[in-house]
Amino acid sequence: MPKLKTVKGVRDRVKVTGTGKLRRFRAGRRHLLTGRRAKLTRHMRRPRLVSPTEAKKIKALLPYT
C-alpha cells in the first residue's frame, strides 16, 4: 500500500498537543491592527483548540500524527 501524503498547508497551520488535540492560531493578526481595540489583538495572540467536528476532518489530512 502506498504512503499517504500530508497536506502541507494544514501541517503548517495546526500543531498537535500532547493529548492529541489540535491547536491553531487566530486569524486577523497580520495587518490593519491599529483600527482594532487592544483587548482584541491581545486575545488573538493566544492559540485556540480546533473544535471536535473540524478536528476529525483535519486529522484525516495529517495521517502520521
C-alpha atoms as a PDB file:
ATOM      1  CA  MET A   1       0.000   0.000   0.000  1.00  0.00           C
ATOM      2  CA  PRO A   2       1.418   3.442  -0.908  1.00  0.00           C
ATOM      3  CA  LYS A   3       2.293   6.085   1.630  1.00  0.00           C
ATOM      4  CA  LEU A   4      -0.308   8.724   2.480  1.00  0.00           C
ATOM      5  CA  LYS A   5       0.616  12.315   1.768  1.00  0.00           C
ATOM      6  CA  THR A   6       0.327  15.028   4.398  1.00  0.00           C
ATOM      7  CA  VAL A   7      -1.409  18.262   3.366  1.00  0.00           C
ATOM      8  CA  LYS A   8       1.399  20.753   3.920  1.00  0.00           C
ATOM      9  CA  GLY A   9      -0.854  23.786   4.442  1.00  0.00           C
ATOM     10  CA  VAL A  10      -2.576  22.081   7.339  1.00  0.00           C
ATOM     11  CA  ARG A  11       0.734  20.891   8.763  1.00  0.00           C
ATOM     12  CA  ASP A  12       1.994  24.477   8.905  1.00  0.00           C
ATOM     13  CA  ARG A  13      -1.187  25.908  10.442  1.00  0.00           C
ATOM     14  CA  VAL A  14      -2.035  23.281  13.055  1.00  0.00           C
ATOM     15  CA  LYS A  15       0.028  21.664  15.800  1.00  0.00           C
ATOM     16  CA  VAL A  16      -0.910  18.517  17.711  1.00  0.00           C
ATOM     17  CA  THR A  17      -0.784  18.780  21.505  1.00  0.00           C
ATOM     18  CA  GLY A  18       0.497  16.049  23.796  1.00  0.00           C
ATOM     19  CA  THR A  19      -3.036  14.771  24.427  1.00  0.00           C
ATOM     20  CA  GLY A  20      -3.830  14.606  20.699  1.00  0.00           C
ATOM     21  CA  LYS A  21      -5.901  17.781  20.411  1.00  0.00           C
ATOM     22  CA  LEU A  22      -5.263  20.269  17.612  1.00  0.00           C
ATOM     23  CA  ARG A  23      -4.033  23.787  18.319  1.00  0.00           C
ATOM     24  CA  ARG A  24      -4.448  26.675  15.872  1.00  0.00           C
ATOM     25  CA  PHE A  25      -3.804  30.404  15.871  1.00  0.00           C
ATOM     26  CA  ARG A  26      -6.451  33.066  15.394  1.00  0.00           C
ATOM     27  CA  ALA A  27      -6.948  34.757  12.043  1.00  0.00           C
ATOM     28  CA  GLY A  28      -6.711  38.507  11.623  1.00  0.00           C
ATOM     29  CA  ARG A  29      -3.300  39.246  13.150  1.00  0.00           C
ATOM     30  CA  ARG A  30      -1.382  40.217  10.021  1.00  0.00           C
ATOM     31  CA  HIS A  31      -2.215  43.838   9.295  1.00  0.00           C
ATOM     32  CA  LEU A  32      -4.689  46.661   9.976  1.00  0.00           C
ATOM     33  CA  LEU A  33      -4.294  46.146  13.725  1.00  0.00           C
ATOM     34  CA  THR A  34      -4.387  49.852  14.572  1.00  0.00           C
ATOM     35  CA  GLY A  35      -8.117  50.018  13.958  1.00  0.00           C
ATOM     36  CA  ARG A  36      -8.881  47.219  16.380  1.00  0.00           C
ATOM     37  CA  ARG A  37      -9.107  47.559  20.118  1.00  0.00           C
ATOM     38  CA  ALA A  38      -6.082  46.469  22.118  1.00  0.00           C
ATOM     39  CA  LYS A  39      -8.006  43.856  24.079  1.00  0.00           C
ATOM     40  CA  LEU A  40      -8.985  42.050  20.892  1.00  0.00           C
ATOM     41  CA  THR A  41      -5.465  41.984  19.475  1.00  0.00           C
ATOM     42  CA  ARG A  42      -4.141  40.807  22.816  1.00  0.00           C
ATOM     43  CA  HIS A  43      -6.632  37.942  22.952  1.00  0.00           C
ATOM     44  CA  MET A  44      -5.805  36.934  19.390  1.00  0.00           C
ATOM     45  CA  ARG A  45      -2.227  36.185  20.448  1.00  0.00           C
ATOM     46  CA  ARG A  46      -3.186  33.052  22.319  1.00  0.00           C
ATOM     47  CA  PRO A  47      -3.756  29.840  20.390  1.00  0.00           C
ATOM     48  CA  ARG A  48      -7.129  28.118  20.352  1.00  0.00           C
ATOM     49  CA  LEU A  49      -8.137  24.478  20.143  1.00  0.00           C
ATOM     50  CA  VAL A  50      -9.837  23.258  16.992  1.00  0.00           C
ATOM     51  CA  SER A  51     -13.477  22.258  17.523  1.00  0.00           C
ATOM     52  CA  PRO A  52     -14.062  18.489  17.687  1.00  0.00           C
ATOM     53  CA  THR A  53     -16.115  18.411  14.476  1.00  0.00           C
ATOM     54  CA  GLU A  54     -13.382  20.119  12.478  1.00  0.00           C
ATOM     55  CA  ALA A  55     -10.626  18.184  14.253  1.00  0.00           C
ATOM     56  CA  LYS A  56     -11.893  14.964  12.730  1.00  0.00           C
ATOM     57  CA  LYS A  57     -11.604  16.421   9.216  1.00  0.00           C
ATOM     58  CA  ILE A  58      -8.183  17.929   9.861  1.00  0.00           C
ATOM     59  CA  LYS A  59      -6.765  14.719  11.322  1.00  0.00           C
ATOM     60  CA  ALA A  60      -7.619  12.983   8.051  1.00  0.00           C
ATOM     61  CA  LEU A  61      -5.302  15.468   6.303  1.00  0.00           C
ATOM     62  CA  LEU A  62      -2.483  14.704   8.778  1.00  0.00           C
ATOM     63  CA  PRO A  63      -2.139  10.922   8.505  1.00  0.00           C
ATOM     64  CA  TYR A  64       1.046  10.385  10.560  1.00  0.00           C
ATOM     65  CA  THR A  65       0.381  12.465  13.672  1.00  0.00           C
END
